[in-house]
PDB file of N, CA and C in Angstrom:
ATOM      1  N   MET A   1       1.248  -1.186  -0.072  1.00  0.00           N
ATOM      2  CA  MET A   1       0.138  -0.163   0.036  1.00  0.00           C
ATOM      3  C   MET A   1       0.766   0.948  -0.267  1.00  0.00           C
ATOM      4  N   SER A   2       0.715   2.302  -0.661  1.00  0.00           N
ATOM      5  CA  SER A   2       1.157   3.340  -1.072  1.00  0.00           C
ATOM      6  C   SER A   2       0.560   3.981  -0.024  1.00  0.00           C
ATOM      7  N   SER A   3       1.526   5.440   0.381  1.00  0.00           N
ATOM      8  CA  SER A   3       0.910   6.221   1.664  1.00  0.00           C
ATOM      9  C   SER A   3       0.037   6.972   1.074  1.00  0.00           C
ATOM     10  N   ALA A   4      -1.034   7.262  -0.324  1.00  0.00           N
ATOM     11  CA  ALA A   4      -1.634   7.704  -0.734  1.00  0.00           C
ATOM     12  C   ALA A   4      -2.837   7.046  -0.034  1.00  0.00           C
ATOM     13  N   ASP A   5      -2.989   5.257   0.012  1.00  0.00           N
ATOM     14  CA  ASP A   5      -3.334   4.582  -0.072  1.00  0.00           C
ATOM     15  C   ASP A   5      -4.171   4.891   1.970  1.00  0.00           C
ATOM     16  N   ILE A   6      -3.098   4.889   2.887  1.00  0.00           N
ATOM     17  CA  ILE A   6      -3.182   4.814   4.284  1.00  0.00           C
ATOM     18  C   ILE A   6      -3.656   5.669   4.787  1.00  0.00           C
ATOM     19  N   PHE A   7      -3.383   7.606   3.556  1.00  0.00           N
ATOM     20  CA  PHE A   7      -4.191   8.623   3.829  1.00  0.00           C
ATOM     21  C   PHE A   7      -5.277   8.296   4.130  1.00  0.00           C
ATOM     22  N   TYR A   8      -5.731   7.697   2.607  1.00  0.00           N
ATOM     23  CA  TYR A   8      -7.496   8.195   2.608  1.00  0.00           C
ATOM     24  C   TYR A   8      -8.188   6.699   3.235  1.00  0.00           C
ATOM     25  N   VAL A   9      -7.646   5.495   3.878  1.00  0.00           N
ATOM     26  CA  VAL A   9      -8.512   4.501   4.706  1.00  0.00           C
ATOM     27  C   VAL A   9      -8.463   5.649   6.116  1.00  0.00           C
ATOM     28  N   ALA A  10      -7.515   6.188   6.547  1.00  0.00           N
ATOM     29  CA  ALA A  10      -7.192   7.112   7.662  1.00  0.00           C
ATOM     30  C   ALA A  10      -8.591   7.679   7.860  1.00  0.00           C
ATOM     31  N   LEU A  11      -8.174   8.724   6.815  1.00  0.00           N
ATOM     32  CA  LEU A  11      -9.474   9.735   6.504  1.00  0.00           C
ATOM     33  C   LEU A  11     -10.756   8.722   6.629  1.00  0.00           C
ATOM     34  N   VAL A  12     -11.217   7.954   5.950  1.00  0.00           N
ATOM     35  CA  VAL A  12     -12.522   7.504   5.304  1.00  0.00           C
ATOM     36  C   VAL A  12     -12.478   6.718   7.563  1.00  0.00           C
ATOM     37  N   LEU A  13     -12.156   5.967   8.042  1.00  0.00           N
ATOM     38  CA  LEU A  13     -11.984   5.835   9.179  1.00  0.00           C
ATOM     39  C   LEU A  13     -12.294   7.090  10.268  1.00  0.00           C
ATOM     40  N   PHE A  14     -11.195   8.067   9.868  1.00  0.00           N
ATOM     41  CA  PHE A  14     -11.947   8.884  10.656  1.00  0.00           C
ATOM     42  C   PHE A  14     -13.316   9.646  10.822  1.00  0.00           C
ATOM     43  N   ALA A  15     -13.639   9.402   9.639  1.00  0.00           N
ATOM     44  CA  ALA A  15     -14.994  10.199   9.468  1.00  0.00           C
ATOM     45  C   ALA A  15     -15.738   9.431   9.176  1.00  0.00           C
ATOM     46  N   PHE A  16     -15.604   8.090   9.262  1.00  0.00           N
ATOM     47  CA  PHE A  16     -17.077   7.002   9.500  1.00  0.00           C
ATOM     48  C   PHE A  16     -16.792   7.154  11.857  1.00  0.00           C
ATOM     49  N   SER A  17     -15.691   6.938  11.885  1.00  0.00           N
ATOM     50  CA  SER A  17     -15.520   7.359  13.521  1.00  0.00           C
ATOM     51  C   SER A  17     -16.598   9.399  14.082  1.00  0.00           C
ATOM     52  N   GLY A  18     -15.855  10.001  12.946  1.00  0.00           N
ATOM     53  CA  GLY A  18     -16.807  10.944  13.500  1.00  0.00           C
ATOM     54  C   GLY A  18     -17.911  11.274  14.246  1.00  0.00           C
ATOM     55  N   PHE A  19     -18.631   9.974  12.417  1.00  0.00           N
ATOM     56  CA  PHE A  19     -20.166  10.146  12.726  1.00  0.00           C
ATOM     57  C   PHE A  19     -20.835  10.016  13.647  1.00  0.00           C
ATOM     58  N   ALA A  20     -19.841   8.526  13.767  1.00  0.00           N
ATOM     59  CA  ALA A  20     -20.720   7.839  15.132  1.00  0.00           C
ATOM     60  C   ALA A  20     -20.249   8.683  16.024  1.00  0.00           C
ATOM     61  N   ILE A  21     -19.610   9.096  16.614  1.00  0.00           N
ATOM     62  CA  ILE A  21     -19.285  10.602  17.487  1.00  0.00           C
ATOM     63  C   ILE A  21     -20.824  10.813  18.148  1.00  0.00           C
ATOM     64  N   ALA A  22     -21.176  11.483  16.622  1.00  0.00           N
ATOM     65  CA  ALA A  22     -22.011  12.972  16.634  1.00  0.00           C
ATOM     66  C   ALA A  22     -23.519  12.209  16.486  1.00  0.00           C
ATOM     67  N   LEU A  23     -23.210  10.801  16.381  1.00  0.00           N
ATOM     68  CA  LEU A  23     -24.819  10.249  16.396  1.00  0.00           C
ATOM     69  C   LEU A  23     -24.747  10.111  17.851  1.00  0.00           C
ATOM     70  N   ALA A  24     -23.982   9.595  17.899  1.00  0.00           N
ATOM     71  CA  ALA A  24     -24.293   8.556  19.420  1.00  0.00           C
ATOM     72  C   ALA A  24     -24.558  10.245  20.862  1.00  0.00           C
ATOM     73  N   TYR A  25     -23.908  11.142  20.200  1.00  0.00           N
ATOM     74  CA  TYR A  25     -24.046  12.064  21.308  1.00  0.00           C
ATOM     75  C   TYR A  25     -25.433  13.004  20.470  1.00  0.00           C
ATOM     76  N   PHE A  26     -25.612  13.367  19.504  1.00  0.00           N
ATOM     77  CA  PHE A  26     -27.192  13.794  19.806  1.00  0.00           C
ATOM     78  C   PHE A  26     -28.326  13.067  19.538  1.00  0.00           C
ATOM     79  N   SER A  27     -27.634  11.259  19.658  1.00  0.00           N
ATOM     80  CA  SER A  27     -28.835  10.937  20.106  1.00  0.00           C
ATOM     81  C   SER A  27     -29.342  10.628  22.137  1.00  0.00           C
ATOM     82  N   HIS A  28     -28.011  11.295  22.218  1.00  0.00           N
ATOM     83  CA  HIS A  28     -27.729  10.789  23.576  1.00  0.00           C
ATOM     84  C   HIS A  28     -28.627  12.518  24.374  1.00  0.00           C
ATOM     85  N   GLN A  29     -28.766  13.546  23.374  1.00  0.00           N
ATOM     86  CA  GLN A  29     -29.221  14.516  24.257  1.00  0.00           C
ATOM     87  C   GLN A  29     -30.838  15.168  23.676  1.00  0.00           C
ATOM     88  N   ASP A  30     -31.511  14.286  22.444  1.00  0.00           N
ATOM     89  CA  ASP A  30     -32.860  13.948  21.436  1.00  0.00           C
ATOM     90  C   ASP A  30     -33.490  13.321  23.150  1.00  0.00           C
ATOM     91  N   HIS A  31     -32.772  12.242  23.514  1.00  0.00           N
ATOM     92  CA  HIS A  31     -33.248  11.473  25.013  1.00  0.00           C
ATOM     93  C   HIS A  31     -33.544  11.854  26.337  1.00  0.00           C
ATOM     94  N   LYS A  32     -32.152  12.824  26.291  1.00  0.00           N
ATOM     95  CA  LYS A  32     -32.613  13.208  28.013  1.00  0.00           C
ATOM     96  C   LYS A  32     -33.992  14.830  27.165  1.00  0.00           C
ATOM     97  N   PHE A  33     -33.802  15.609  26.052  1.00  0.00           N
ATOM     98  CA  PHE A  33     -34.531  16.303  25.727  1.00  0.00           C
ATOM     99  C   PHE A  33     -36.379  15.963  26.125  1.00  0.00           C
ATOM    100  N   ARG A  34     -36.367  14.988  25.462  1.00  0.00           N
ATOM    101  CA  ARG A  34     -37.907  13.416  25.187  1.00  0.00           C
ATOM    102  C   ARG A  34     -38.079  13.168  26.785  1.00  0.00           C
ATOM    103  N   ALA A  35     -37.326  13.133  27.731  1.00  0.00           N
ATOM    104  CA  ALA A  35     -37.836  12.442  28.593  1.00  0.00           C
ATOM    105  C   ALA A  35     -37.714  13.752  29.589  1.00  0.00           C
ATOM    106  N   ALA A  36     -37.310  15.343  29.129  1.00  0.00           N
ATOM    107  CA  ALA A  36     -37.941  16.259  30.125  1.00  0.00           C
ATOM    108  C   ALA A  36     -38.518  16.951  30.209  1.00  0.00           C
ATOM    109  N   ARG A  37     -39.383  16.729  28.229  1.00  0.00           N
ATOM    110  CA  ARG A  37     -40.721  16.736  27.407  1.00  0.00           C
ATOM    111  C   ARG A  37     -41.585  15.952  28.955  1.00  0.00           C
ATOM    112  N   GLN A  38     -41.411  14.949  28.195  1.00  0.00           N
ATOM    113  CA  GLN A  38     -42.213  13.761  29.355  1.00  0.00           C
ATOM    114  C   GLN A  38     -42.088  14.417  31.204  1.00  0.00           C
ATOM    115  N   ARG A  39     -41.533  15.199  31.588  1.00  0.00           N
ATOM    116  CA  ARG A  39     -41.905  15.061  32.821  1.00  0.00           C
ATOM    117  C   ARG A  39     -43.322  15.863  32.845  1.00  0.00           C
ATOM    118  N   VAL A  40     -43.043  17.423  31.908  1.00  0.00           N
ATOM    119  CA  VAL A  40     -43.207  18.911  31.842  1.00  0.00           C
ATOM    120  C   VAL A  40     -44.842  18.351  31.443  1.00  0.00           C
ATOM    121  N   GLU A  41     -44.602  17.496  30.125  1.00  0.00           N
ATOM    122  CA  GLU A  41     -46.433  16.722  29.614  1.00  0.00           C
ATOM    123  C   GLU A  41     -46.846  15.849  31.394  1.00  0.00           C
ATOM    124  N   GLN A  42     -46.203  15.035  31.875  1.00  0.00           N
ATOM    125  CA  GLN A  42     -46.753  15.034  32.780  1.00  0.00           C
ATOM    126  C   GLN A  42     -47.047  15.843  34.469  1.00  0.00           C
ATOM    127  N   ASP A  43     -46.454  16.780  34.025  1.00  0.00           N
ATOM    128  CA  ASP A  43     -46.487  17.936  35.469  1.00  0.00           C
ATOM    129  C   ASP A  43     -48.119  18.965  34.836  1.00  0.00           C
ATOM    130  N   ALA A  44     -48.254  18.453  33.658  1.00  0.00           N
ATOM    131  CA  ALA A  44     -49.312  19.743  33.109  1.00  0.00           C
ATOM    132  C   ALA A  44     -50.648  18.856  33.093  1.00  0.00           C
ATOM    133  N   SER A  45     -49.989  17.531  33.004  1.00  0.00           N
ATOM    134  CA  SER A  45     -51.745  16.938  33.352  1.00  0.00           C
ATOM    135  C   SER A  45     -52.392  17.527  34.552  1.00  0.00           C
ATOM    136  N   LYS A  46     -51.680  17.174  35.728  1.00  0.00           N
ATOM    137  CA  LYS A  46     -51.708  17.151  36.905  1.00  0.00           C
ATOM    138  C   LYS A  46     -52.393  18.089  37.130  1.00  0.00           C
ATOM    139  N   PRO A  47     -53.707  18.442  37.994  1.00  0.00           N
ATOM    140  CA  PRO A  47     -54.183  19.275  38.833  1.00  0.00           C
ATOM    141  C   PRO A  47     -53.453  20.404  39.755  1.00  0.00           C
ATOM    142  N   ALA A  48     -53.956  22.028  38.934  1.00  0.00           N
ATOM    143  CA  ALA A  48     -53.230  22.725  39.337  1.00  0.00           C
ATOM    144  C   ALA A  48     -53.793  22.048  41.627  1.00  0.00           C
ATOM    145  N   ALA A  49     -51.983  22.534  42.000  1.00  0.00           N
ATOM    146  CA  ALA A  49     -52.736  22.456  43.797  1.00  0.00           C
ATOM    147  C   ALA A  49     -53.204  24.849  44.039  1.00  0.00           C
ATOM    148  N   LYS A  50     -54.341  23.814  44.893  1.00  0.00           N
ATOM    149  CA  LYS A  50     -54.382  25.800  45.144  1.00  0.00           C
ATOM    150  C   LYS A  50     -53.795  26.624  45.956  1.00  0.00           C
ATOM    151  N   PRO A  51     -53.524  27.600  45.669  1.00  0.00           N
ATOM    152  CA  PRO A  51     -52.332  27.979  46.365  1.00  0.00           C
ATOM    153  C   PRO A  51     -52.732  28.589  47.667  1.00  0.00           C
ATOM    154  N   ALA A  52     -52.196  28.852  48.319  1.00  0.00           N
ATOM    155  CA  ALA A  52     -51.830  28.612  49.805  1.00  0.00           C
ATOM    156  C   ALA A  52     -52.551  29.859  50.570  1.00  0.00           C
ATOM    157  N   GLN A  53     -52.753  29.566  51.511  1.00  0.00           N
ATOM    158  CA  GLN A  53     -53.959  31.097  52.165  1.00  0.00           C
ATOM    159  C   GLN A  53     -53.074  31.330  52.866  1.00  0.00           C
ATOM    160  N   PRO A  54     -52.714  33.006  52.942  1.00  0.00           N
ATOM    161  CA  PRO A  54     -51.944  33.229  53.565  1.00  0.00           C
ATOM    162  C   PRO A  54     -52.316  33.593  55.276  1.00  0.00           C
ATOM    163  N   LYS A  55     -51.495  33.936  55.967  1.00  0.00           N
ATOM    164  CA  LYS A  55     -51.265  33.240  57.889  1.00  0.00           C
ATOM    165  C   LYS A  55     -51.875  34.622  57.776  1.00  0.00           C
ATOM    166  N   ALA A  56     -52.382  35.030  59.206  1.00  0.00           N
ATOM    167  CA  ALA A  56     -53.280  35.886  59.565  1.00  0.00           C
ATOM    168  C   ALA A  56     -51.672  36.094  60.699  1.00  0.00           C
ATOM    169  N   PRO A  57     -51.690  37.653  60.481  1.00  0.00           N
ATOM    170  CA  PRO A  57     -50.465  38.249  61.140  1.00  0.00           C
ATOM    171  C   PRO A  57     -50.938  36.946  62.594  1.00  0.00           C
ATOM    172  N   ALA A  58     -49.803  38.170  63.245  1.00  0.00           N
ATOM    173  CA  ALA A  58     -49.452  37.293  64.692  1.00  0.00           C
ATOM    174  C   ALA A  58     -49.983  37.923  65.844  1.00  0.00           C
ATOM    175  N   VAL A  59     -50.521  39.258  65.604  1.00  0.00           N
ATOM    176  CA  VAL A  59     -51.028  39.878  66.385  1.00  0.00           C
ATOM    177  C   VAL A  59     -52.425  40.480  66.234  1.00  0.00           C
ATOM    178  N   ALA A  60     -53.447  39.009  65.045  1.00  0.00           N
ATOM    179  CA  ALA A  60     -54.574  38.727  65.166  1.00  0.00           C
ATOM    180  C   ALA A  60     -54.823  37.529  65.661  1.00  0.00           C
ATOM    181  N   ARG A  61     -53.896  36.908  66.158  1.00  0.00           N
ATOM    182  CA  ARG A  61     -53.848  35.626  66.567  1.00  0.00           C
ATOM    183  C   ARG A  61     -53.529  35.453  67.805  1.00  0.00           C
ATOM    184  N   VAL A  62     -53.629  36.551  68.634  1.00  0.00           N
ATOM    185  CA  VAL A  62     -53.278  36.533  70.294  1.00  0.00           C
ATOM    186  C   VAL A  62     -54.993  36.673  70.352  1.00  0.00           C
ATOM    187  N   PRO A  63     -55.288  36.515  71.441  1.00  0.00           N
ATOM    188  CA  PRO A  63     -55.776  36.901  71.441  1.00  0.00           C
ATOM    189  C   PRO A  63     -55.896  38.077  72.271  1.00  0.00           C
ATOM    190  N   GLU A  64     -57.032  39.044  73.306  1.00  0.00           N
ATOM    191  CA  GLU A  64     -56.194  40.052  73.928  1.00  0.00           C
ATOM    192  C   GLU A  64     -57.751  40.261  75.267  1.00  0.00           C
ATOM    193  N   HIS A  65     -56.395  40.634  75.854  1.00  0.00           N
ATOM    194  CA  HIS A  65     -56.572  40.155  77.538  1.00  0.00           C
ATOM    195  C   HIS A  65     -56.736  41.080  78.607  1.00  0.00           C
ATOM    196  N   ALA A  66     -56.686  42.288  77.847  1.00  0.00           N
ATOM    197  CA  ALA A  66     -57.221  42.981  78.509  1.00  0.00           C
ATOM    198  C   ALA A  66     -57.663  43.913  78.047  1.00  0.00           C
TER     199      ALA A  66
END
């Protein structure tokens, strides 16, 4: 094999490995995105919690003794 053949074989192997790495990266990102979107959809399907009632001020809770 000449040095040109070795160069082109190495170039093809490098291109395929780069494609495989990019494919793995983006499929992993897509999986994380889908999981986050599914969590948001599940939270949206739950009924909304009632807002908390504000507590009365401490002065109003103290009975008047005087």
